[in-house]
Structures are given as C-alpha cells and as structure tokens.
Amino acid sequence: MISVRNSLLISFLIYSFIIMSSCNDPNEVGVGVQPANDQPGVFDTSITSLTTFTILEDSLLSSSSISPMFLGSLNDNETGTTYASFYTQVRLGSSVTATTFNGATTPDKIELVLGLVKDVVYGDSKKMHHISVYQINESMYKDSVYYSTDTFSIGNMIGHTDIIPRVGYGTSLDGVPMSPQIKIPLDTAFGGYLMRELTARLPTNKVFLDSVLRGIYIIDSTEGSGSIINVYPVSALNRMNIYFNDSAKFALEINDASARSLNFKHDYCNSYSVSPQVCNPTNPTMSHDTVFVQSLAGLKTKLILPDWKQVFKNKVTSINRADIVISVKSGTEVDPFKPHDNLLLLAADSIGKNTITADFLDLGGAYNSTTKEYKLNFTRHLQQILNGTVKDYGLYIVAGGSTSNARRTVLNGGTSMKITITYTQQND
C-alpha cells in the first residue's frame, strides 16, 4: 500500500512566512546591526572540537514533476552502494479511433524512449547498465504525494536492454544533432495487447490508466558497479512508441500530467568508511572526524552544539554573526564523485525531524572550490536559542538538492569543523 502524506510545499511556504516574519522580531537583538569594528564590547570567538556524526536521512518527497528521474546504481568506497529506480504513468498522447492501427493487432516493434539530462552522470560512465521495465499492478494518482521509500506492486517484465548510456549529444544518420537518450525494446506481445485493448475500448486517459496500463517501473540491475543517470522529468522524448504496418507509429507519452515516484535504496554496510556510523554503531552519538552527506534520501551529518551558557559566561549576548565552516576531506572530491554544489543547515526538532531555521533564506552554503569549504549561517537561530525562544536539539548538515542530484560529500568533522561567532556584550 502506498502511503500518502501532506505536501512539503505547503510546509515550506508556511515556514518561509514564519522566517520572513521573524526577521523583524525585536527579541533578535544583535542581528544585522552595525559592523563589529564600530561597536564597543564586540568579540570574536571560534569553537572547534565539535561533536559530529553521520545518520540516515529521512525519506524525501519523490513525486515532484520537476525533479529528474534517476536510474542506475553505483558503488562508492566512501558511502557504499546506491540504487535508483522510478515508477511512472504512461498516458495517451492522442485520442484513439477504430482505425488508429488500420487493422493491425501486432506491432512491428515497440520501444520505450527516455530523454537524458545532458552531460549528467554520477559514477563510472563507462559501465554497462542492465535496464528492465515492468508493468505495475497498482494505480498511481497525480494528486497524491509519494515518498522515496514508497513502493508499488509490480507485474510482468515487458522489456530489457543492456546499454552504456551516452549523455552527450550524438549525431543521427543524416548528420542532425540528437539529444541524449536511451531506447529500451519492449515485448511485442505487450505491444499487441496495447493495440488490441486500445482499439476495443477507445479509452480516455482515465480508462486507459485504470484498465489498460496503470504504469511502469524502470529499474537498473547494475548491482552497484555502474553509474546513475538523470532522465528528464518532462521531455518530448519520453514516450512509448508503437510501430506497425511498416511505417506507421502511435505514441504514448510520459508527460507533466503523469504521476511518478522515485525510489532510492542504499547499502552502507559494505563501506568501510561510513558503515561504523550507520550500521549498528556501538555508540550512535560518538563524535567522528569524518562525516558524510548524501543526496537521494541518503545521509546527513548531526552536529551537537556546545553549552552556550559556558561559551558566553551567562552574560546577555547579542549575536552579530555566526557561521559553521566545514571543509571537504582531501582526495574525496575528485571525479567521478564531485561534492555537492551547496549544503543546507537544518535544525532538529524534539523527535529528530528536519526543520528549517530562521536563517534559511540567508543560509549561504555554496561550495568554495578554491578553499574546498562550505560556510553556513545560523546567526538568527543561535540568537533565538540564547533568547529561549527556540530549544536546541542540534543541527543537521544535509545535501542541497537532495532530489535533483545523486552526489555525496565527505566532510571533515569533529576537531576540523569550526563555528565562528562575532557577538556583542556589555562591558562589566
């Protein structure tokens, strides 16, 4: 059974409103005031030797029509094996009449075509992919919300191909540039079933999805030795083509009206690096000097903040600026495992779930390829902790665009991660 949850978009809008409202909170003294050099009683401090460890990320919204559809699997010495597959509806591209197939009941061939995001591949781009297509036995709904751990019952396999995907532009036989794509041959018996059902029913899309083809599941059985490619969520290439009577063609489409759900799986226990932190750790909250962030509902880093009463000696304190400075572990940022373009900083709530901070709209977090660092702002959040308006349950460092890329980043934690703070206190 598929679980359906409230949309994260609504939550984001609500939180964004709260953030923008809090920007004018008079209790947030010290935020956005004059530069440190112009103020009396202004101090700078750096805090190191932080408590950091890696934990599993929660499931993520996977039914968005704007996120790429990921396909493949890869093995990484740092984070183990990742698998990505997806479910999607296939819809009628045009209406069907009694003469659509001109009496033909069996196709010459039928194939599934998927448009690929150009030049985007994560992992070993030279490895063979073994892609299979299955019918699904459960209905999908465009207005439902699906998450990355949701699954659908699958039926018969209807197609398969072994292919090394080419993500750069190719050239057709007549010399015309061709967008990157993969073509998966499907069973002609399945094509014949579609032709006969379409001719007999002359269905609307609703009838087609309810009674003829509920959807398909596309999975890559590379067993972790390959790469993950990005399929365009909406592309004129995404279609199921039925060829008949030598030169005729009828197309079914995967378009922006198609319900879809991405599925991600991770096996961390075959990784020497991350396994001790997430596979039955002896002490789950023990600090580690190497920590991890991974997209596709993979990994996040938990950061335990220090005792601020001791740091600020129980004095009334106004935070001018507070940043977390994080460096990438040397040697882990090279191709084919590029680090994330940006990281996010979220707060933990009382039950350990991700919540955005009051600094979310001014977070920073872009990767500096020169210094190999990320800098994340938590000025307002820290001020709210000091004011007692927010309870401190720790922070999470998570992947930016976790459902728009398949990357992972290895970070220096513990003694190497640093908090820098500029603050104001009244002189004694």
Foldseek 3Di string as FASTA:
>chain_A
DFDFDDDVVVVVVVVVVVLVVCVPPPLQPQEPDDDQVPDPQKDKDKDFLFFKFKEFFDWAWFFDLQAWQKADKAQDLAFGIKWKKKWKAWFFPDFDELCQQPPDLWFPWKKFKFFFAAPAKFHALQDKWKKWKWFFDDADANPTIGTQATDTHTDDIFWIDIGRFDRHWDADPVGHIDGGMDMITTHRVLVSQVRVVCNVPSDHRVCCCVPPGRIMMMHIPPVRHGIMTTTGSADPRGWMWTHHPVHDIGIIHRHSNMTMGMYMDGDRCVHPNRCCQYPPHPDNRGGDQKYKAWFPSGMKMWTADDDVCVVVVVFDKNFHWKKKKWAFDPPQCDPPAHAAQFKAKFAQDPVGHTDHASCRVVFFGGQDPVRRMGMTTRRSVVSCCSVVVDPHPTMIIYGDPRSRGGHMTMIGGRRPMMMMTIMRGDDD
